[in-house]
Amino acid sequence: MSDPIIAADLRLRRRVLLSIVLMTVGGGLVLWRLDAYLDALVILKKTDPHGVAQHVSRLLLLLAACTALLTVSLAGVLSYMALQVLSSGQYPPPGMRVIRDTQLRTGSRATALAQVGLVLAVVILLCGLGASVLLMRVSQDPRLQYPGPVQEAAGGARLSGSLPYTPTSRPHLRSSRASPGAARPQPRG
């Protein structure tokens, strides 16, 4: 005896396809604007490197927040579905609409699908949150931060973190703060 088939909900299928098209177009527009924004930062780097570093740091923090939000949401949906399958003993769970004709799975086949869903949710959550933490740490990299006059006056020592700030890594700052009698670095050419 074969398992029954759950009929597709055509209205739901149209909505899902429309959502995919809208997300693809929206993602393309975001990438297009991001490309223009990054081009502007490359041009601005020549005149205001500290401002560019702050923009890049903010951009990385925004990307970290979006990554965390999306992965937590996806992991939540997957785990919710898996728990519904485990509690009902069938996939798809009772009352769930599907976008294509789906064979009803019960017993050990449904449990196996639920377990795969839970493992996948955990992997997605850990990878997404790990990527978010990595992006946040990169955004706090001292090379993206302007140390400020207090840290420069302290001989370049950072107040926190492990990488020291060296005045020679920012020659444009060193030459503008040089004493009147000090020799200025020769321009490269």
N, C-alpha and C. Protein backbone atom coordinates (compact mmCIF):
# COMPACT_ATOMS: atom_id res chain seq x y z
N MET A 1 0.84 -1.18 0.00
CA MET A 1 0.00 0.00 0.00
C MET A 1 0.89 1.24 0.00
N SER A 2 0.63 2.16 -0.94
CA SER A 2 1.46 3.36 -1.01
C SER A 2 0.89 4.44 -0.11
N ASP A 3 1.80 5.32 0.31
CA ASP A 3 1.38 6.43 1.17
C ASP A 3 0.55 7.41 0.37
N PRO A 4 -0.41 8.08 1.04
CA PRO A 4 -1.22 9.07 0.33
C PRO A 4 -0.39 10.28 -0.11
N ILE A 5 -0.91 11.00 -1.09
CA ILE A 5 -0.25 12.19 -1.63
C ILE A 5 -1.00 13.42 -1.11
N ILE A 6 -0.23 14.39 -0.60
CA ILE A 6 -0.80 15.68 -0.19
C ILE A 6 -0.76 16.58 -1.42
N ALA A 7 -1.94 17.08 -1.81
CA ALA A 7 -2.03 17.90 -3.03
C ALA A 7 -1.39 19.27 -2.82
N ALA A 8 -0.80 19.78 -3.90
CA ALA A 8 -0.15 21.09 -3.86
C ALA A 8 -1.18 22.20 -3.75
N ASP A 9 -0.82 23.24 -3.03
CA ASP A 9 -1.63 24.44 -2.94
C ASP A 9 -1.10 25.42 -3.98
N LEU A 10 -1.84 25.58 -5.08
CA LEU A 10 -1.36 26.40 -6.19
C LEU A 10 -1.24 27.87 -5.82
N ARG A 11 -2.12 28.34 -4.96
CA ARG A 11 -2.06 29.74 -4.53
C ARG A 11 -0.79 29.99 -3.72
N LEU A 12 -0.46 29.06 -2.84
CA LEU A 12 0.77 29.16 -2.06
C LEU A 12 1.98 29.09 -2.98
N ARG A 13 1.92 28.22 -3.99
CA ARG A 13 3.04 28.11 -4.93
C ARG A 13 3.29 29.43 -5.64
N ARG A 14 2.21 30.10 -6.08
CA ARG A 14 2.37 31.40 -6.75
C ARG A 14 2.98 32.43 -5.81
N ARG A 15 2.53 32.42 -4.56
CA ARG A 15 3.08 33.38 -3.59
C ARG A 15 4.56 33.12 -3.30
N VAL A 16 4.92 31.86 -3.20
CA VAL A 16 6.32 31.52 -2.95
C VAL A 16 7.18 31.93 -4.15
N LEU A 17 6.73 31.63 -5.36
CA LEU A 17 7.49 32.01 -6.55
C LEU A 17 7.61 33.53 -6.67
N LEU A 18 6.54 34.25 -6.39
CA LEU A 18 6.58 35.72 -6.41
C LEU A 18 7.56 36.24 -5.36
N SER A 19 7.55 35.64 -4.18
CA SER A 19 8.49 36.05 -3.12
C SER A 19 9.93 35.81 -3.55
N ILE A 20 10.20 34.68 -4.20
CA ILE A 20 11.55 34.39 -4.66
C ILE A 20 11.99 35.40 -5.70
N VAL A 21 11.09 35.75 -6.63
CA VAL A 21 11.43 36.73 -7.66
C VAL A 21 11.70 38.09 -7.02
N LEU A 22 10.84 38.51 -6.09
CA LEU A 22 11.03 39.80 -5.43
C LEU A 22 12.32 39.84 -4.61
N MET A 23 12.65 38.74 -3.91
CA MET A 23 13.89 38.71 -3.14
C MET A 23 15.10 38.74 -4.06
N THR A 24 15.00 38.07 -5.20
CA THR A 24 16.12 38.08 -6.15
C THR A 24 16.34 39.47 -6.72
N VAL A 25 15.26 40.14 -7.10
CA VAL A 25 15.38 41.51 -7.62
C VAL A 25 15.88 42.45 -6.53
N GLY A 26 15.33 42.33 -5.33
CA GLY A 26 15.78 43.17 -4.21
C GLY A 26 17.24 42.92 -3.88
N GLY A 27 17.66 41.66 -3.86
CA GLY A 27 19.07 41.35 -3.61
C GLY A 27 19.98 41.91 -4.69
N GLY A 28 19.53 41.85 -5.94
CA GLY A 28 20.30 42.43 -7.04
C GLY A 28 20.46 43.94 -6.88
N LEU A 29 19.36 44.61 -6.49
CA LEU A 29 19.43 46.06 -6.27
C LEU A 29 20.37 46.41 -5.12
N VAL A 30 20.32 45.61 -4.05
CA VAL A 30 21.21 45.86 -2.92
C VAL A 30 22.67 45.69 -3.35
N LEU A 31 22.95 44.64 -4.12
CA LEU A 31 24.33 44.42 -4.59
C LEU A 31 24.77 45.54 -5.54
N TRP A 32 23.86 46.01 -6.36
CA TRP A 32 24.19 47.11 -7.28
C TRP A 32 24.54 48.37 -6.50
N ARG A 33 23.72 48.70 -5.48
CA ARG A 33 23.99 49.88 -4.66
C ARG A 33 25.26 49.70 -3.83
N LEU A 34 25.49 48.49 -3.34
CA LEU A 34 26.70 48.21 -2.58
C LEU A 34 27.94 48.40 -3.44
N ASP A 35 27.86 47.98 -4.69
CA ASP A 35 28.99 48.16 -5.61
C ASP A 35 29.29 49.64 -5.80
N ALA A 36 28.25 50.44 -5.99
CA ALA A 36 28.44 51.88 -6.15
C ALA A 36 29.00 52.50 -4.86
N TYR A 37 28.52 52.05 -3.72
CA TYR A 37 28.99 52.55 -2.42
C TYR A 37 30.48 52.21 -2.22
N LEU A 38 30.86 51.00 -2.55
CA LEU A 38 32.26 50.60 -2.41
C LEU A 38 33.15 51.35 -3.39
N ASP A 39 32.65 51.63 -4.59
CA ASP A 39 33.43 52.44 -5.54
C ASP A 39 33.66 53.84 -4.97
N ALA A 40 32.63 54.41 -4.35
CA ALA A 40 32.77 55.73 -3.74
C ALA A 40 33.78 55.69 -2.59
N LEU A 41 33.80 54.59 -1.83
CA LEU A 41 34.76 54.48 -0.74
C LEU A 41 36.19 54.37 -1.27
N VAL A 42 36.37 53.70 -2.39
CA VAL A 42 37.71 53.60 -2.99
C VAL A 42 38.20 54.98 -3.39
N ILE A 43 37.32 55.79 -3.96
CA ILE A 43 37.70 57.15 -4.35
C ILE A 43 37.99 57.99 -3.11
N LEU A 44 37.15 57.84 -2.08
CA LEU A 44 37.30 58.62 -0.85
C LEU A 44 38.55 58.22 -0.07
N LYS A 45 39.04 57.01 -0.29
CA LYS A 45 40.20 56.52 0.45
C LYS A 45 41.43 57.42 0.27
N LYS A 46 41.54 58.04 -0.89
CA LYS A 46 42.69 58.90 -1.16
C LYS A 46 42.67 60.17 -0.33
N THR A 47 41.49 60.67 -0.01
CA THR A 47 41.41 61.94 0.72
C THR A 47 41.09 61.77 2.20
N ASP A 48 40.35 60.71 2.57
CA ASP A 48 39.95 60.52 3.96
C ASP A 48 40.00 59.05 4.35
N PRO A 49 41.19 58.51 4.58
CA PRO A 49 41.27 57.08 4.88
C PRO A 49 40.60 56.70 6.20
N HIS A 50 40.59 57.60 7.17
CA HIS A 50 39.94 57.28 8.44
C HIS A 50 38.43 57.23 8.29
N GLY A 51 37.89 58.11 7.49
CA GLY A 51 36.46 58.07 7.22
C GLY A 51 36.06 56.79 6.51
N VAL A 52 36.89 56.35 5.58
CA VAL A 52 36.64 55.09 4.87
C VAL A 52 36.69 53.93 5.85
N ALA A 53 37.65 53.94 6.75
CA ALA A 53 37.77 52.86 7.73
C ALA A 53 36.52 52.79 8.60
N GLN A 54 35.98 53.94 8.97
CA GLN A 54 34.76 53.95 9.77
C GLN A 54 33.57 53.42 8.97
N HIS A 55 33.48 53.79 7.70
CA HIS A 55 32.40 53.29 6.85
C HIS A 55 32.50 51.77 6.67
N VAL A 56 33.71 51.28 6.46
CA VAL A 56 33.90 49.83 6.30
C VAL A 56 33.55 49.11 7.59
N SER A 57 33.93 49.67 8.72
CA SER A 57 33.61 49.07 10.00
C SER A 57 32.10 48.99 10.20
N ARG A 58 31.39 50.07 9.89
CA ARG A 58 29.92 50.07 10.01
C ARG A 58 29.28 49.07 9.05
N LEU A 59 29.83 49.00 7.84
CA LEU A 59 29.30 48.07 6.85
C LEU A 59 29.47 46.62 7.32
N LEU A 60 30.61 46.31 7.91
CA LEU A 60 30.83 44.97 8.43
C LEU A 60 29.89 44.65 9.59
N LEU A 61 29.64 45.63 10.45
CA LEU A 61 28.69 45.41 11.55
C LEU A 61 27.28 45.19 11.02
N LEU A 62 26.88 45.94 10.00
CA LEU A 62 25.56 45.74 9.39
C LEU A 62 25.46 44.35 8.77
N LEU A 63 26.50 43.94 8.08
CA LEU A 63 26.52 42.61 7.48
C LEU A 63 26.45 41.53 8.55
N ALA A 64 27.14 41.73 9.66
CA ALA A 64 27.09 40.76 10.77
C ALA A 64 25.69 40.66 11.34
N ALA A 65 25.03 41.79 11.52
CA ALA A 65 23.67 41.79 12.06
C ALA A 65 22.69 41.11 11.10
N CYS A 66 22.81 41.40 9.82
CA CYS A 66 21.92 40.76 8.83
C CYS A 66 22.17 39.26 8.76
N THR A 67 23.43 38.85 8.80
CA THR A 67 23.75 37.43 8.77
C THR A 67 23.17 36.72 9.99
N ALA A 68 23.33 37.31 11.16
CA ALA A 68 22.78 36.71 12.38
C ALA A 68 21.26 36.61 12.30
N LEU A 69 20.61 37.67 11.86
CA LEU A 69 19.15 37.66 11.77
C LEU A 69 18.65 36.59 10.80
N LEU A 70 19.26 36.50 9.64
CA LEU A 70 18.82 35.52 8.65
C LEU A 70 19.07 34.08 9.12
N THR A 71 20.23 33.83 9.70
CA THR A 71 20.52 32.46 10.12
C THR A 71 19.68 32.03 11.31
N VAL A 72 19.45 32.93 12.25
CA VAL A 72 18.59 32.59 13.38
C VAL A 72 17.16 32.33 12.89
N SER A 73 16.69 33.13 11.94
CA SER A 73 15.34 32.93 11.40
C SER A 73 15.23 31.59 10.68
N LEU A 74 16.20 31.29 9.83
CA LEU A 74 16.16 30.02 9.09
C LEU A 74 16.27 28.84 10.02
N ALA A 75 17.16 28.91 10.99
CA ALA A 75 17.29 27.82 11.95
C ALA A 75 16.01 27.66 12.77
N GLY A 76 15.36 28.77 13.11
CA GLY A 76 14.11 28.70 13.85
C GLY A 76 13.00 28.03 13.06
N VAL A 77 12.88 28.37 11.79
CA VAL A 77 11.85 27.77 10.94
C VAL A 77 12.12 26.27 10.76
N LEU A 78 13.37 25.91 10.50
CA LEU A 78 13.71 24.49 10.32
C LEU A 78 13.45 23.68 11.59
N SER A 79 13.85 24.22 12.73
CA SER A 79 13.65 23.47 13.97
C SER A 79 12.17 23.38 14.34
N TYR A 80 11.42 24.45 14.08
CA TYR A 80 9.98 24.41 14.34
C TYR A 80 9.32 23.32 13.49
N MET A 81 9.67 23.27 12.20
CA MET A 81 9.10 22.26 11.32
C MET A 81 9.50 20.86 11.78
N ALA A 82 10.77 20.69 12.15
CA ALA A 82 11.23 19.37 12.59
C ALA A 82 10.52 18.94 13.87
N LEU A 83 10.31 19.85 14.79
CA LEU A 83 9.60 19.51 16.03
C LEU A 83 8.14 19.17 15.75
N GLN A 84 7.53 19.87 14.78
CA GLN A 84 6.16 19.54 14.39
C GLN A 84 6.09 18.12 13.81
N VAL A 85 7.06 17.77 13.00
CA VAL A 85 7.11 16.43 12.40
C VAL A 85 7.31 15.38 13.49
N LEU A 86 8.21 15.65 14.43
CA LEU A 86 8.44 14.70 15.52
C LEU A 86 7.20 14.50 16.38
N SER A 87 6.50 15.58 16.67
CA SER A 87 5.32 15.46 17.54
C SER A 87 4.14 14.79 16.83
N SER A 88 4.01 15.00 15.53
CA SER A 88 2.88 14.39 14.80
C SER A 88 3.22 13.02 14.24
N GLY A 89 4.49 12.74 14.05
CA GLY A 89 4.89 11.45 13.49
C GLY A 89 4.70 11.35 12.00
N GLN A 90 4.47 12.48 11.35
CA GLN A 90 4.32 12.45 9.89
C GLN A 90 4.88 13.71 9.26
N TYR A 91 5.31 13.56 7.98
CA TYR A 91 5.74 14.71 7.20
C TYR A 91 4.96 14.70 5.90
N PRO A 92 4.37 15.80 5.51
CA PRO A 92 4.22 17.08 6.22
C PRO A 92 3.27 16.96 7.40
N PRO A 93 3.49 17.78 8.44
CA PRO A 93 2.61 17.73 9.61
C PRO A 93 1.17 18.07 9.24
N PRO A 94 0.21 17.66 10.02
CA PRO A 94 -1.20 17.96 9.71
C PRO A 94 -1.45 19.46 9.60
N GLY A 95 -2.16 19.86 8.56
CA GLY A 95 -2.50 21.26 8.33
C GLY A 95 -1.46 22.04 7.55
N MET A 96 -0.32 21.45 7.26
CA MET A 96 0.71 22.17 6.52
C MET A 96 0.38 22.14 5.03
N ARG A 97 0.45 23.32 4.41
CA ARG A 97 0.25 23.40 2.96
C ARG A 97 1.59 23.20 2.26
N VAL A 98 1.56 22.61 1.08
CA VAL A 98 2.79 22.32 0.33
C VAL A 98 2.70 22.96 -1.05
N ILE A 99 3.86 23.25 -1.66
CA ILE A 99 3.86 23.91 -2.97
C ILE A 99 3.92 22.92 -4.12
N ARG A 100 4.12 21.64 -3.82
CA ARG A 100 4.06 20.62 -4.86
C ARG A 100 3.45 19.37 -4.25
N ASP A 101 2.96 18.48 -5.09
CA ASP A 101 2.39 17.23 -4.58
C ASP A 101 3.46 16.50 -3.78
N THR A 102 3.12 16.16 -2.54
CA THR A 102 4.10 15.58 -1.62
C THR A 102 3.55 14.30 -1.03
N GLN A 103 4.39 13.26 -1.07
CA GLN A 103 4.00 11.98 -0.50
C GLN A 103 4.06 12.08 1.02
N LEU A 104 3.01 11.61 1.69
CA LEU A 104 2.96 11.63 3.14
C LEU A 104 3.92 10.57 3.67
N ARG A 105 4.82 10.98 4.54
CA ARG A 105 5.79 10.06 5.14
C ARG A 105 5.45 9.92 6.62
N THR A 106 5.44 8.72 7.10
CA THR A 106 5.11 8.47 8.50
C THR A 106 6.17 7.57 9.11
N GLY A 107 6.12 7.47 10.43
CA GLY A 107 7.01 6.54 11.14
C GLY A 107 8.47 6.94 11.08
N SER A 108 9.31 5.94 10.81
CA SER A 108 10.76 6.16 10.85
C SER A 108 11.24 7.09 9.73
N ARG A 109 10.55 7.10 8.59
CA ARG A 109 10.95 8.02 7.51
C ARG A 109 10.69 9.46 7.92
N ALA A 110 9.58 9.73 8.58
CA ALA A 110 9.29 11.09 9.05
C ALA A 110 10.26 11.49 10.16
N THR A 111 10.56 10.56 11.06
CA THR A 111 11.50 10.85 12.14
C THR A 111 12.89 11.15 11.58
N ALA A 112 13.31 10.41 10.57
CA ALA A 112 14.62 10.65 9.97
C ALA A 112 14.66 12.04 9.33
N LEU A 113 13.59 12.43 8.64
CA LEU A 113 13.53 13.78 8.05
C LEU A 113 13.60 14.85 9.13
N ALA A 114 12.91 14.63 10.24
CA ALA A 114 12.92 15.60 11.34
C ALA A 114 14.31 15.71 11.96
N GLN A 115 14.99 14.59 12.12
CA GLN A 115 16.33 14.61 12.68
C GLN A 115 17.31 15.34 11.75
N VAL A 116 17.19 15.10 10.46
CA VAL A 116 18.03 15.82 9.49
C VAL A 116 17.74 17.31 9.57
N GLY A 117 16.46 17.67 9.69
CA GLY A 117 16.09 19.08 9.82
C GLY A 117 16.69 19.73 11.06
N LEU A 118 16.67 19.02 12.18
CA LEU A 118 17.25 19.57 13.41
C LEU A 118 18.76 19.72 13.30
N VAL A 119 19.43 18.71 12.73
CA VAL A 119 20.88 18.81 12.56
C VAL A 119 21.22 19.97 11.63
N LEU A 120 20.48 20.09 10.54
CA LEU A 120 20.71 21.18 9.60
C LEU A 120 20.47 22.54 10.25
N ALA A 121 19.45 22.64 11.09
CA ALA A 121 19.17 23.89 11.79
C ALA A 121 20.33 24.26 12.72
N VAL A 122 20.87 23.28 13.43
CA VAL A 122 21.99 23.55 14.33
C VAL A 122 23.23 23.98 13.54
N VAL A 123 23.51 23.28 12.43
CA VAL A 123 24.68 23.62 11.61
C VAL A 123 24.54 25.03 11.05
N ILE A 124 23.36 25.36 10.52
CA ILE A 124 23.13 26.70 9.97
C ILE A 124 23.27 27.76 11.07
N LEU A 125 22.73 27.48 12.23
CA LEU A 125 22.81 28.44 13.34
C LEU A 125 24.26 28.66 13.76
N LEU A 126 25.02 27.59 13.93
CA LEU A 126 26.41 27.73 14.36
C LEU A 126 27.26 28.43 13.31
N CYS A 127 27.08 28.05 12.05
CA CYS A 127 27.87 28.70 10.98
C CYS A 127 27.50 30.17 10.83
N GLY A 128 26.21 30.47 10.87
CA GLY A 128 25.78 31.86 10.72
C GLY A 128 26.22 32.74 11.87
N LEU A 129 26.07 32.24 13.09
CA LEU A 129 26.51 33.03 14.24
C LEU A 129 28.03 33.14 14.29
N GLY A 130 28.72 32.08 13.88
CA GLY A 130 30.17 32.15 13.80
C GLY A 130 30.63 33.19 12.79
N ALA A 131 29.97 33.22 11.63
CA ALA A 131 30.30 34.23 10.63
C ALA A 131 30.01 35.63 11.14
N SER A 132 28.91 35.79 11.87
CA SER A 132 28.58 37.10 12.43
C SER A 132 29.62 37.55 13.45
N VAL A 133 30.04 36.65 14.32
CA VAL A 133 31.05 36.99 15.31
C VAL A 133 32.36 37.34 14.61
N LEU A 134 32.71 36.58 13.58
CA LEU A 134 33.93 36.87 12.83
C LEU A 134 33.86 38.25 12.18
N LEU A 135 32.73 38.58 11.58
CA LEU A 135 32.57 39.90 10.96
C LEU A 135 32.65 41.01 12.01
N MET A 136 32.07 40.78 13.18
CA MET A 136 32.15 41.79 14.23
C MET A 136 33.59 41.97 14.71
N ARG A 137 34.33 40.88 14.82
CA ARG A 137 35.73 40.98 15.25
C ARG A 137 36.57 41.70 14.20
N VAL A 138 36.29 41.41 12.92
CA VAL A 138 37.03 42.09 11.86
C VAL A 138 36.70 43.57 11.86
N SER A 139 35.44 43.91 12.13
CA SER A 139 35.07 45.33 12.15
C SER A 139 35.75 46.08 13.29
N GLN A 140 36.18 45.36 14.31
CA GLN A 140 36.87 45.99 15.44
C GLN A 140 38.39 45.92 15.28
N ASP A 141 38.87 45.48 14.13
CA ASP A 141 40.30 45.39 13.86
C ASP A 141 40.92 46.77 14.03
N PRO A 142 42.04 46.88 14.72
CA PRO A 142 42.65 48.20 14.95
C PRO A 142 43.06 48.91 13.67
N ARG A 143 43.27 48.16 12.60
CA ARG A 143 43.66 48.81 11.35
C ARG A 143 42.48 49.56 10.73
N LEU A 144 41.26 49.25 11.19
CA LEU A 144 40.08 49.98 10.70
C LEU A 144 39.68 51.11 11.65
N GLN A 145 40.39 51.25 12.74
CA GLN A 145 40.02 52.24 13.74
C GLN A 145 41.06 53.36 13.77
N TYR A 146 40.60 54.58 13.93
CA TYR A 146 41.51 55.70 14.16
C TYR A 146 41.83 55.72 15.65
N PRO A 147 43.09 55.66 16.03
CA PRO A 147 43.42 55.51 17.44
C PRO A 147 43.10 56.74 18.28
N GLY A 148 43.05 57.90 17.68
CA GLY A 148 42.75 59.10 18.44
C GLY A 148 43.98 59.73 19.04
N PRO A 149 43.88 60.99 19.42
CA PRO A 149 45.05 61.72 19.91
C PRO A 149 45.57 61.21 21.24
N VAL A 150 44.72 60.64 22.09
CA VAL A 150 45.18 60.16 23.39
C VAL A 150 46.11 58.98 23.20
N GLN A 151 45.75 58.06 22.32
CA GLN A 151 46.59 56.89 22.09
C GLN A 151 47.86 57.28 21.35
N GLU A 152 47.78 58.25 20.44
CA GLU A 152 48.99 58.71 19.75
C GLU A 152 49.95 59.35 20.75
N ALA A 153 49.41 60.14 21.69
CA ALA A 153 50.25 60.81 22.68
C ALA A 153 50.91 59.79 23.61
N ALA A 154 50.26 58.64 23.78
CA ALA A 154 50.81 57.59 24.65
C ALA A 154 51.86 56.76 23.93
N GLY A 155 52.32 57.22 22.80
CA GLY A 155 53.36 56.50 22.08
C GLY A 155 52.81 55.43 21.18
N GLY A 156 51.55 55.50 20.86
CA GLY A 156 50.96 54.54 19.94
C GLY A 156 50.42 53.30 20.61
N ALA A 157 50.47 53.22 21.94
CA ALA A 157 49.95 52.04 22.60
C ALA A 157 48.43 52.05 22.57
N ARG A 158 47.87 50.90 22.29
CA ARG A 158 46.41 50.79 22.30
C ARG A 158 45.94 50.59 23.73
N LEU A 159 44.76 51.06 24.01
CA LEU A 159 44.22 50.90 25.36
C LEU A 159 43.69 49.50 25.58
N SER A 160 43.28 48.81 24.51
CA SER A 160 42.80 47.44 24.64
C SER A 160 43.14 46.69 23.36
N GLY A 161 43.13 45.37 23.44
CA GLY A 161 43.41 44.56 22.27
C GLY A 161 44.85 44.10 22.26
N SER A 162 45.21 43.33 21.22
CA SER A 162 46.52 42.74 21.21
C SER A 162 47.46 43.33 20.17
N LEU A 163 46.95 44.02 19.17
CA LEU A 163 47.81 44.57 18.14
C LEU A 163 48.15 46.02 18.46
N PRO A 164 49.42 46.35 18.59
CA PRO A 164 49.80 47.73 18.92
C PRO A 164 49.64 48.65 17.72
N TYR A 165 49.36 49.89 18.01
CA TYR A 165 49.30 50.92 16.97
C TYR A 165 50.69 51.49 16.83
N THR A 166 51.19 51.55 15.62
CA THR A 166 52.51 52.15 15.40
C THR A 166 52.34 53.40 14.55
N PRO A 167 52.95 54.50 14.98
CA PRO A 167 52.80 55.74 14.21
C PRO A 167 53.32 55.61 12.79
N THR A 168 54.28 54.71 12.53
CA THR A 168 54.81 54.58 11.17
C THR A 168 53.82 53.93 10.23
N SER A 169 52.77 53.27 10.78
CA SER A 169 51.79 52.65 9.90
C SER A 169 50.84 53.69 9.31
N ARG A 170 50.90 54.92 9.80
CA ARG A 170 50.06 56.00 9.29
C ARG A 170 50.94 57.22 9.01
N PRO A 171 51.71 57.17 7.91
CA PRO A 171 52.66 58.25 7.64
C PRO A 171 51.98 59.60 7.43
N HIS A 172 50.76 59.63 6.95
CA HIS A 172 50.09 60.91 6.75
C HIS A 172 49.81 61.59 8.08
N LEU A 173 49.62 60.81 9.16
CA LEU A 173 49.44 61.40 10.48
C LEU A 173 50.77 61.87 11.04
N ARG A 174 51.82 61.08 10.84
CA ARG A 174 53.13 61.41 11.36
C ARG A 174 53.65 62.71 10.76
N SER A 175 53.50 62.87 9.44
CA SER A 175 54.05 64.05 8.79
C SER A 175 53.26 65.31 9.15
N SER A 176 51.96 65.19 9.42
CA SER A 176 51.18 66.39 9.75
C SER A 176 51.41 66.83 11.19
N ARG A 177 51.92 65.95 12.04
CA ARG A 177 52.15 66.30 13.43
C ARG A 177 53.64 66.49 13.72
N ALA A 178 54.45 66.47 12.72
CA ALA A 178 55.89 66.59 12.92
C ALA A 178 56.23 67.99 13.41
N SER A 179 57.28 68.06 14.18
CA SER A 179 57.70 69.37 14.68
C SER A 179 58.29 70.18 13.53
N PRO A 180 58.32 71.54 13.66
CA PRO A 180 58.78 72.37 12.55
C PRO A 180 60.20 72.07 12.12
N GLY A 181 61.08 71.64 13.01
CA GLY A 181 62.46 71.39 12.64
C GLY A 181 62.71 69.98 12.14
N ALA A 182 61.73 69.11 12.25
CA ALA A 182 61.94 67.70 11.87
C ALA A 182 61.94 67.57 10.35
N ALA A 183 62.70 66.60 9.91
CA ALA A 183 62.78 66.35 8.45
C ALA A 183 61.48 65.69 7.99
N ARG A 184 60.97 66.19 6.90
CA ARG A 184 59.74 65.63 6.34
C ARG A 184 60.10 64.48 5.40
N PRO A 185 59.24 63.45 5.36
CA PRO A 185 59.52 62.35 4.45
C PRO A 185 59.41 62.83 3.00
N GLN A 186 60.25 62.25 2.17
CA GLN A 186 60.26 62.62 0.74
C GLN A 186 59.10 61.93 0.04
N PRO A 187 58.40 62.64 -0.85
CA PRO A 187 57.30 61.99 -1.58
C PRO A 187 57.84 60.93 -2.51
N ARG A 188 57.03 59.87 -2.65
CA ARG A 188 57.41 58.79 -3.58
C ARG A 188 57.04 59.19 -4.97
N GLY A 189 57.86 58.86 -5.88
CA GLY A 189 57.47 59.28 -7.21
C GLY A 189 58.22 58.64 -8.23
